[in-house]
Each structure stands twice: as structure tokens, then as C-alpha cells.
């Protein structure tokens, strides 16, 4: 699961373990996050009108 916050953090969660397994700091508050179809990448939309894509395979 992925979540984004207005504090500029994107968190990747292990639902099975109920804990954060990865965290990324962005450049602005986050309004939306979504996984791609293959569940290998997460995109985040920031308040400063930027979009970032994170490769979860790394």
C-alpha cells in the first residue's frame, strides 16, 4: 500500500506486517499516489504541480 501526506512524505507499507517499509521525501505536499498496473512503480502528485514516479523494484 502507498500513502502520501501534506508533510511531503510518501510511505510504502507492508499490509501484512502493518508497518512502513520505505519512505520518500518529496518536494511539496502530496495530493495523490497510485500504483501502475504491474505494481512495480508508484506515482505521486505534489502540491507544487510536479509528478514523480518511483520504481519499487530498486
Protein backbone atom coordinates (compact mmCIF):
# COMPACT_ATOMS: atom_id res chain seq x y z
CA UNK A 1 0.00 0.00 0.00
CA UNK A 2 1.19 3.55 -0.65
CA UNK A 3 0.20 6.74 1.14
CA UNK A 4 1.10 10.39 0.72
CA UNK A 5 0.84 13.27 3.15
CA UNK A 6 0.89 17.04 3.09
CA UNK A 7 4.20 16.82 5.00
CA UNK A 8 5.89 15.80 1.70
CA UNK A 9 6.32 12.10 2.63
CA UNK A 10 5.39 9.09 0.54
CA UNK A 11 5.16 5.91 2.58
CA UNK A 12 5.17 2.37 1.21
CA UNK A 13 3.52 -0.02 3.64
CA UNK A 14 3.64 -3.74 4.21
CA UNK A 15 -0.01 -4.56 4.83
CA UNK A 16 0.97 -8.00 6.14
CA UNK A 17 3.33 -6.52 8.76
CA UNK A 18 1.36 -3.27 9.31
CA UNK A 19 4.47 -1.11 9.05
CA UNK A 20 6.26 1.30 6.72
CA UNK A 21 8.91 -0.47 4.61
CA UNK A 22 10.06 2.52 2.51
CA UNK A 23 9.70 6.28 2.81
CA UNK A 24 10.50 9.05 0.35
CA UNK A 25 10.57 12.82 0.79
CA UNK A 26 9.05 14.85 -1.99
CA UNK A 27 9.16 18.50 -2.99
CA UNK A 28 5.69 19.51 -1.82
CA UNK A 29 2.55 18.28 -0.14
CA UNK A 30 1.19 15.12 -1.75
CA UNK A 31 -2.35 15.04 -3.05
CA UNK A 32 -2.47 11.60 -4.65
CA UNK A 33 -0.45 8.41 -5.05
CA UNK A 34 -1.14 5.43 -7.29
CA UNK A 35 0.48 2.18 -8.39
CA UNK A 36 0.96 1.26 -12.03
CA UNK A 37 -0.84 -1.75 -13.45
CA UNK A 38 2.09 -4.12 -12.84
CA UNK A 39 2.55 -2.80 -9.25
CA UNK A 40 6.20 -2.03 -9.89
CA UNK A 41 6.02 1.79 -9.79
CA UNK A 42 4.29 4.44 -7.69
CA UNK A 43 3.41 7.90 -8.98
CA UNK A 44 2.84 10.88 -6.70
CA UNK A 45 1.19 14.22 -7.49
CA UNK A 46 2.63 17.13 -5.46
CA UNK A 47 1.09 20.46 -4.45
CA UNK A 48 3.78 22.31 -6.44
CA UNK A 49 2.40 20.77 -9.66
CA UNK A 50 5.14 18.15 -10.02
CA UNK A 51 4.66 14.44 -10.61
CA UNK A 52 7.28 11.87 -9.59
CA UNK A 53 7.42 8.18 -10.41
CA UNK A 54 9.24 5.82 -8.06
CA UNK A 55 10.49 2.43 -9.24
CA UNK A 56 9.76 -0.07 -6.46
CA UNK A 57 11.99 -2.77 -8.00
CA UNK A 58 15.16 -0.98 -6.83
